[in-house]
Amino acid sequence: MAHNVEKLNAIGQSVWLDYISRGLLQSGGLATMVRDGLVQGMTSNPTIFNKAVNESDDYDASIRELATREGINGYEAFLKIGGDDIRAAADALRPVYDATAGADGFVSFEVQAAGGEAMLAEARRMFALVDRPNVMIKIPGVPEGPATVEALIAEGINVNVTLLFSVEVYTGFADAYLRGLERRHAAGERLDNVAGVASFFVSRVDTKVDGRLPEGSPLRGKVAIANAWHAYAVFERMFSGERWRPLEAAGARVQRPLWASTGTKNPAYSDVLYVDDLVAPHTVNTVPEATLNAFLDHGNPTDQSASGMKQSAPILAEAAAAGIDIEQVAAELLDEGLASFNKDFASLLGSIEKKLHS
């Protein structure tokens, strides 16, 4: 009998693991999950790497070896150990990439450089460093991001746009992805060897919105999912029609919506709320291991796209009438997300520097 992830795959949704660690890679744990069809991809971010380095001694030998190199600093050491992990994950996921002809089986590596040109240069560097076709470079949903995404896609570098909360901001990044494909097509380059996802964050929206709603409001636990379905409706519109058809005919892949932050934060809600209620074709759900296990045990792998999009507008209208400015919420969450990742990345580099000089 097919397990729940296989049922999601049949609908057209992939499951990516929102976690990476050297222990998981070296033990063969990820390879086993791939073999069993439990995951089709993996994501990383500064928080995940900070936890991996600080809560194990798996990286100590590599850092000690790097300490013998003249002029090595914390950032360069991070690129080396992080790049090694991303490369190993890409290799473990390569069977998925090959079986899907490059449509899935990706692992993401996040750029930390600020500013358009610096971000673009570092994205190119990280992609070349890992040197695997099934790597996506993560670009945050900041104002200079769309131009970076357009350039990277035009160059054939896979991109995961992260920290998306606003449908308006997401729309700009979807347009940037299309512009990148159009530039690539006009240059006579292949389109079937470049891919992208747009990581739309979910549970954090409910955490923020619920705190602004009165106790007992029927909108609690519903606004984030409605916001995600609004984004999905935009996705369906942008990746169809006259603009999309010639790109599709040339082999282009859609920029799949990726549901991120799907671990349930409110214990009053179902532990699989942000998986069960966001099942749709051409999407990815990136889950913590605990959420994955819960979904395998008692999830409901049923396509929710028709009902989700139908209910989205009324829920968002009710939220607006209740005083919820969803774009303001999104802007606050982006600022908080960037600050959190920057703090964790600084902690990570500090730990590496300490290990380099101990």
Protein backbone atom coordinates (compact mmCIF):
# COMPACT_ATOMS: atom_id res chain seq x y z
CA MET A 1 0.00 0.00 0.00
CA ALA A 2 1.29 3.48 -0.91
CA HIS A 3 2.23 5.68 2.01
CA ASN A 4 0.98 9.25 2.35
CA VAL A 5 3.96 10.91 0.65
CA GLU A 6 3.55 8.67 -2.38
CA LYS A 7 -0.10 9.74 -2.50
CA LEU A 8 0.99 13.40 -2.45
CA ASN A 9 3.43 12.69 -5.27
CA ALA A 10 0.60 11.18 -7.33
CA ILE A 11 -1.33 14.45 -6.93
CA GLY A 12 1.73 16.41 -8.05
CA GLN A 13 3.15 17.64 -4.74
CA SER A 14 6.70 16.90 -3.61
CA VAL A 15 7.92 16.70 -0.02
CA TRP A 16 11.25 18.25 0.90
CA LEU A 17 12.93 17.88 4.26
CA ASP A 18 13.48 21.17 6.09
CA TYR A 19 16.68 20.03 7.73
CA ILE A 20 20.30 19.13 7.02
CA SER A 21 23.11 17.79 9.16
CA ARG A 22 26.33 15.92 8.54
CA GLY A 23 25.16 13.09 10.77
CA LEU A 24 22.04 12.55 8.66
CA LEU A 25 24.16 12.55 5.50
CA GLN A 26 27.03 10.35 6.69
CA SER A 27 24.77 7.80 8.38
CA GLY A 28 22.92 7.18 5.14
CA GLY A 29 19.72 8.50 6.71
CA LEU A 30 18.90 10.83 3.84
CA ALA A 31 19.71 8.16 1.24
CA THR A 32 17.31 5.80 3.03
CA MET A 33 14.54 8.42 3.07
CA VAL A 34 15.07 9.00 -0.65
CA ARG A 35 15.04 5.25 -1.37
CA ASP A 36 11.80 4.85 0.59
CA GLY A 37 10.14 7.71 -1.26
CA LEU A 38 9.71 9.83 1.86
CA VAL A 39 11.43 12.95 0.52
CA GLN A 40 12.13 14.36 -2.93
CA GLY A 41 14.32 17.27 -1.86
CA MET A 42 15.88 19.17 1.03
CA THR A 43 16.30 22.75 2.20
CA SER A 44 18.83 24.47 4.43
CA ASN A 45 19.11 27.92 5.98
CA PRO A 46 21.35 29.70 8.52
CA THR A 47 19.23 28.50 11.44
CA ILE A 48 19.51 24.89 10.32
CA PHE A 49 23.29 25.09 9.82
CA ASN A 50 23.74 26.91 13.13
CA LYS A 51 21.90 24.12 14.92
CA ALA A 52 23.83 21.41 13.06
CA VAL A 53 27.28 22.88 13.89
CA ASN A 54 26.54 23.90 17.48
CA GLU A 55 24.68 20.79 18.60
CA SER A 56 27.13 18.14 17.41
CA ASP A 57 30.84 17.52 17.01
CA ASP A 58 30.35 16.23 13.45
CA TYR A 59 32.10 19.26 11.96
CA ASP A 60 35.01 19.58 14.40
CA ALA A 61 37.49 17.47 12.41
CA SER A 62 36.78 19.40 9.20
CA ILE A 63 37.14 22.74 10.98
CA ARG A 64 40.43 21.63 12.59
CA GLU A 65 41.75 20.71 9.15
CA LEU A 66 40.65 24.08 7.77
CA ALA A 67 42.43 25.84 10.66
CA THR A 68 45.76 24.75 9.15
CA ARG A 69 45.09 26.81 6.03
CA GLU A 70 46.60 30.27 5.98
CA GLY A 71 44.14 33.17 6.07
CA ILE A 72 40.99 31.07 6.54
CA ASN A 73 38.12 32.93 8.22
CA GLY A 74 34.76 31.88 9.56
CA TYR A 75 32.84 32.64 6.38
CA GLU A 76 35.23 30.80 4.08
CA ALA A 77 35.20 27.86 6.50
CA PHE A 78 31.39 27.88 6.45
CA LEU A 79 31.34 27.80 2.67
CA LYS A 80 33.64 24.78 2.75
CA ILE A 81 31.77 22.73 5.35
CA GLY A 82 28.36 23.90 4.19
CA GLY A 83 29.27 23.30 0.58
CA ASP A 84 30.41 19.77 1.44
CA ASP A 85 27.06 19.05 3.11
CA ILE A 86 25.05 20.50 0.23
CA ARG A 87 27.09 18.49 -2.27
CA ALA A 88 26.56 15.28 -0.28
CA ALA A 89 22.83 15.96 -0.06
CA ALA A 90 22.68 16.64 -3.81
CA ASP A 91 24.38 13.30 -4.44
CA ALA A 92 21.92 11.49 -2.15
CA LEU A 93 19.02 13.16 -3.99
CA ARG A 94 20.46 12.55 -7.45
CA PRO A 95 18.30 9.43 -8.06
CA VAL A 96 15.19 11.64 -7.73
CA TYR A 97 16.69 14.27 -10.04
CA ASP A 98 17.53 11.65 -12.66
CA ALA A 99 14.19 9.80 -12.37
CA THR A 100 12.25 13.05 -12.86
CA ALA A 101 14.51 14.30 -15.68
CA GLY A 102 15.61 17.28 -13.60
CA ALA A 103 12.20 18.29 -12.29
CA ASP A 104 12.87 17.40 -8.65
CA GLY A 105 15.55 16.14 -6.28
CA PHE A 106 16.99 19.52 -5.28
CA VAL A 107 18.80 20.79 -2.20
CA SER A 108 18.97 24.52 -1.38
CA PHE A 109 21.96 26.63 -0.26
CA GLU A 110 21.18 30.15 1.03
CA VAL A 111 23.02 33.33 0.03
CA GLN A 112 23.83 35.70 2.91
CA ALA A 113 25.34 38.58 0.92
CA ALA A 114 23.38 41.85 0.98
CA GLY A 115 22.87 44.14 -2.02
CA GLY A 116 22.07 43.20 -5.59
CA GLU A 117 25.53 42.85 -7.11
CA ALA A 118 27.02 41.16 -4.04
CA MET A 119 24.08 38.76 -3.86
CA LEU A 120 24.39 37.88 -7.54
CA ALA A 121 28.15 37.34 -7.31
CA GLU A 122 27.85 35.15 -4.22
CA ALA A 123 25.03 33.10 -5.75
CA ARG A 124 27.21 32.36 -8.76
CA ARG A 125 30.10 31.46 -6.48
CA MET A 126 28.04 29.10 -4.31
CA PHE A 127 26.51 27.32 -7.30
CA ALA A 128 29.95 26.78 -8.83
CA LEU A 129 31.39 25.69 -5.48
CA VAL A 130 28.87 22.89 -5.00
CA ASP A 131 29.09 21.95 -8.68
CA ARG A 132 25.94 19.84 -8.88
CA PRO A 133 23.00 20.36 -11.26
CA ASN A 134 20.42 19.64 -8.54
CA VAL A 135 21.32 22.55 -6.28
CA MET A 136 19.14 25.63 -5.84
CA ILE A 137 20.55 28.89 -4.54
CA LYS A 138 18.25 30.61 -2.07
CA ILE A 139 17.56 34.30 -2.67
CA PRO A 140 15.53 36.19 -0.03
CA GLY A 141 12.34 38.05 -0.90
CA VAL A 142 13.94 41.50 -0.64
CA PRO A 143 13.47 44.42 -3.07
CA GLU A 144 16.72 43.73 -4.96
CA GLY A 145 15.85 40.03 -5.21
CA PRO A 146 13.83 39.95 -8.47
CA ALA A 147 16.66 41.37 -10.58
CA THR A 148 19.01 38.79 -9.05
CA VAL A 149 16.59 35.95 -9.76
CA GLU A 150 16.10 37.09 -13.35
CA ALA A 151 19.86 37.13 -13.95
CA LEU A 152 20.46 33.75 -12.31
CA ILE A 153 17.66 31.99 -14.20
CA ALA A 154 18.92 33.51 -17.46
CA GLU A 155 22.33 32.01 -16.65
CA GLY A 156 20.87 28.58 -15.91
CA ILE A 157 21.28 28.70 -12.11
CA ASN A 158 18.39 27.13 -10.17
CA VAL A 159 16.79 29.46 -7.62
CA ASN A 160 14.72 29.02 -4.47
CA VAL A 161 13.16 32.37 -3.56
CA THR A 162 12.77 32.36 0.22
CA LEU A 163 11.03 34.39 2.94
CA LEU A 164 7.94 35.15 0.87
CA PHE A 165 4.89 36.25 2.86
CA SER A 166 3.25 38.77 0.54
CA VAL A 167 1.32 37.74 -2.58
CA GLU A 168 2.30 41.06 -4.17
CA VAL A 169 6.00 40.40 -3.55
CA TYR A 170 5.62 36.80 -4.75
CA THR A 171 4.06 38.05 -7.99
CA GLY A 172 7.15 40.17 -8.65
CA PHE A 173 9.41 37.16 -8.19
CA ALA A 174 7.27 34.98 -10.45
CA ASP A 175 7.55 37.68 -13.11
CA ALA A 176 11.34 37.78 -12.59
CA TYR A 177 11.52 34.01 -13.12
CA LEU A 178 9.59 34.36 -16.37
CA ARG A 179 11.84 37.21 -17.52
CA GLY A 180 14.88 35.05 -16.83
CA LEU A 181 13.43 32.23 -18.91
CA GLU A 182 12.55 34.65 -21.72
CA ARG A 183 16.12 35.98 -21.78
CA ARG A 184 17.47 32.46 -21.80
CA HIS A 185 15.12 31.44 -24.60
CA ALA A 186 16.03 34.51 -26.67
CA ALA A 187 19.71 33.58 -26.30
CA GLY A 188 19.02 30.12 -27.71
CA GLU A 189 19.80 28.33 -24.42
CA ARG A 190 18.05 25.23 -23.11
CA LEU A 191 15.13 25.80 -20.76
CA ASP A 192 14.64 22.26 -19.47
CA ASN A 193 17.83 22.33 -17.37
CA VAL A 194 16.87 25.18 -15.04
CA ALA A 195 14.29 25.10 -12.25
CA GLY A 196 12.91 27.28 -9.50
CA VAL A 197 10.62 27.34 -6.50
CA ALA A 198 9.04 30.22 -4.60
CA SER A 199 9.02 29.56 -0.84
CA PHE A 200 5.82 30.99 0.60
CA PHE A 201 5.88 30.90 4.41
CA VAL A 202 2.74 29.82 6.20
CA SER A 203 2.58 29.15 9.96
CA ARG A 204 4.39 32.37 10.87
CA VAL A 205 1.52 34.30 9.25
CA ASP A 206 -1.01 32.65 11.54
CA THR A 207 1.16 33.28 14.59
CA LYS A 208 1.29 36.98 13.76
CA VAL A 209 -2.36 37.34 12.69
CA ASP A 210 -3.84 35.27 15.53
CA GLY A 211 -2.22 37.64 18.00
CA ARG A 212 -4.22 40.51 16.48
CA LEU A 213 -7.56 38.72 16.46
CA PRO A 214 -9.90 38.48 19.45
CA GLU A 215 -10.06 35.24 21.42
CA GLY A 216 -12.48 32.87 19.77
CA SER A 217 -12.35 34.54 16.33
CA PRO A 218 -13.32 32.07 13.58
CA LEU A 219 -10.45 33.49 11.51
CA ARG A 220 -7.79 32.10 13.82
CA GLY A 221 -5.69 29.48 12.06
CA LYS A 222 -7.21 30.27 8.66
CA VAL A 223 -5.57 33.43 7.30
CA ALA A 224 -2.17 31.92 6.52
CA ILE A 225 -3.67 29.12 4.44
CA ALA A 226 -5.98 31.55 2.64
CA ASN A 227 -2.98 33.77 1.87
CA ALA A 228 -1.12 30.75 0.46
CA TRP A 229 -4.06 29.81 -1.76
CA HIS A 230 -4.19 33.38 -3.02
CA ALA A 231 -0.56 32.96 -4.07
CA TYR A 232 -1.40 29.64 -5.74
CA ALA A 233 -4.15 31.33 -7.78
CA VAL A 234 -1.57 33.87 -8.97
CA PHE A 235 0.78 31.00 -9.84
CA GLU A 236 -1.89 29.31 -11.95
CA ARG A 237 -2.60 32.54 -13.80
CA MET A 238 1.04 33.45 -14.46
CA PHE A 239 2.12 29.99 -15.57
CA SER A 240 -0.54 29.60 -18.24
CA GLY A 241 -1.75 31.66 -21.17
CA GLU A 242 -0.01 33.40 -24.03
CA ARG A 243 3.16 34.43 -22.22
CA TRP A 244 3.81 30.98 -20.78
CA ARG A 245 2.93 28.78 -23.77
CA PRO A 246 6.04 29.41 -25.91
CA LEU A 247 8.30 28.89 -22.90
CA GLU A 248 6.51 25.68 -22.00
CA ALA A 249 6.81 24.47 -25.60
CA ALA A 250 10.57 25.07 -25.37
CA GLY A 251 10.80 22.86 -22.28
CA ALA A 252 10.51 25.43 -19.47
CA ARG A 253 9.46 24.32 -16.00
CA VAL A 254 7.04 26.25 -13.83
CA GLN A 255 8.36 27.99 -10.72
CA ARG A 256 6.61 25.77 -8.20
CA PRO A 257 5.12 27.31 -5.06
CA LEU A 258 6.86 25.82 -2.04
CA TRP A 259 5.00 25.89 1.26
CA ALA A 260 7.54 26.71 3.97
CA SER A 261 7.26 27.06 7.74
CA THR A 262 4.74 24.21 7.76
CA GLY A 263 5.48 22.86 11.22
CA THR A 264 2.48 23.74 13.42
CA LYS A 265 3.44 26.30 16.08
CA ASN A 266 0.09 26.53 17.90
CA PRO A 267 -0.57 23.30 19.87
CA ALA A 268 -4.30 23.95 19.58
CA TYR A 269 -4.07 23.23 15.85
CA SER A 270 -3.55 19.91 14.08
CA ASP A 271 0.11 18.94 13.80
CA VAL A 272 -0.43 18.39 10.06
CA LEU A 273 -2.62 21.46 9.41
CA TYR A 274 -0.16 23.11 7.02
CA VAL A 275 0.30 19.92 5.03
CA ASP A 276 -3.26 18.58 4.86
CA ASP A 277 -4.75 21.95 3.88
CA LEU A 278 -2.16 22.84 1.23
CA VAL A 279 -2.16 19.83 -1.09
CA ALA A 280 -2.06 20.88 -4.74
CA PRO A 281 -0.44 19.93 -8.05
CA HIS A 282 2.86 21.58 -9.02
CA THR A 283 3.80 22.42 -5.42
CA VAL A 284 6.35 21.45 -2.78
CA ASN A 285 5.84 21.20 0.96
CA THR A 286 9.06 21.48 2.96
CA VAL A 287 8.59 19.91 6.37
CA PRO A 288 10.50 19.36 9.60
CA GLU A 289 11.08 15.68 10.33
CA ALA A 290 8.46 15.66 13.13
CA THR A 291 5.81 17.01 10.77
CA LEU A 292 6.79 14.47 8.12
CA ASN A 293 6.39 11.62 10.60
CA ALA A 294 3.03 12.97 11.77
CA PHE A 295 1.80 13.22 8.19
CA LEU A 296 2.91 9.69 7.40
CA ASP A 297 0.96 8.54 10.44
CA HIS A 298 -2.31 10.45 10.11
CA GLY A 299 -2.18 12.93 7.22
CA ASN A 300 -4.86 13.43 4.57
CA PRO A 301 -3.26 13.42 1.10
CA THR A 302 -6.21 14.88 -0.85
CA ASP A 303 -6.04 17.66 -3.45
CA GLN A 304 -7.32 20.82 -1.75
CA SER A 305 -6.64 23.31 -4.55
CA ALA A 306 -10.20 23.88 -5.79
CA SER A 307 -11.73 24.40 -2.35
CA GLY A 308 -8.67 26.27 -1.08
CA MET A 309 -8.74 28.87 -3.85
CA LYS A 310 -12.53 29.22 -3.59
CA GLN A 311 -12.38 29.96 0.14
CA SER A 312 -9.32 32.19 0.00
CA ALA A 313 -10.88 35.49 -1.07
CA PRO A 314 -13.77 35.46 1.45
CA ILE A 315 -11.42 34.64 4.34
CA LEU A 316 -8.96 37.37 3.36
CA ALA A 317 -11.85 39.84 2.98
CA GLU A 318 -13.11 38.93 6.48
CA ALA A 319 -9.60 39.39 7.83
CA ALA A 320 -9.34 42.83 6.24
CA ALA A 321 -12.73 43.77 7.72
CA ALA A 322 -11.39 42.66 11.11
CA GLY A 323 -8.50 45.10 10.77
CA ILE A 324 -5.82 42.73 9.48
CA ASP A 325 -3.55 44.41 6.92
CA ILE A 326 -2.02 41.32 5.35
CA GLU A 327 0.63 43.28 3.45
CA GLN A 328 1.75 44.98 6.65
CA VAL A 329 1.87 41.60 8.37
CA ALA A 330 3.97 40.29 5.49
CA ALA A 331 6.40 43.22 5.68
CA GLU A 332 6.87 42.71 9.42
CA LEU A 333 7.43 38.98 8.97
CA LEU A 334 10.03 39.57 6.26
CA ASP A 335 11.95 41.96 8.52
CA GLU A 336 11.73 39.51 11.41
CA GLY A 337 12.78 36.58 9.23
CA LEU A 338 15.81 38.41 7.88
CA ALA A 339 16.81 39.51 11.38
CA SER A 340 16.44 35.97 12.73
CA PHE A 341 18.52 34.43 9.94
CA ASN A 342 21.18 37.14 10.29
CA LYS A 343 21.40 36.50 14.03
CA ASP A 344 21.73 32.74 13.53
CA PHE A 345 24.29 33.20 10.78
CA ALA A 346 26.37 35.48 13.02
CA SER A 347 26.16 32.83 15.76
CA LEU A 348 27.22 30.16 13.28
CA LEU A 349 30.23 32.15 12.08
CA GLY A 350 31.17 32.96 15.68
CA SER A 351 31.14 29.26 16.57
CA ILE A 352 33.23 28.37 13.54
CA GLU A 353 35.74 31.12 14.30
CA LYS A 354 36.04 29.86 17.87
CA LYS A 355 36.64 26.30 16.67
CA LEU A 356 39.18 27.54 14.11
CA HIS A 357 41.28 29.16 16.83
CA SER A 358 40.81 26.69 19.68
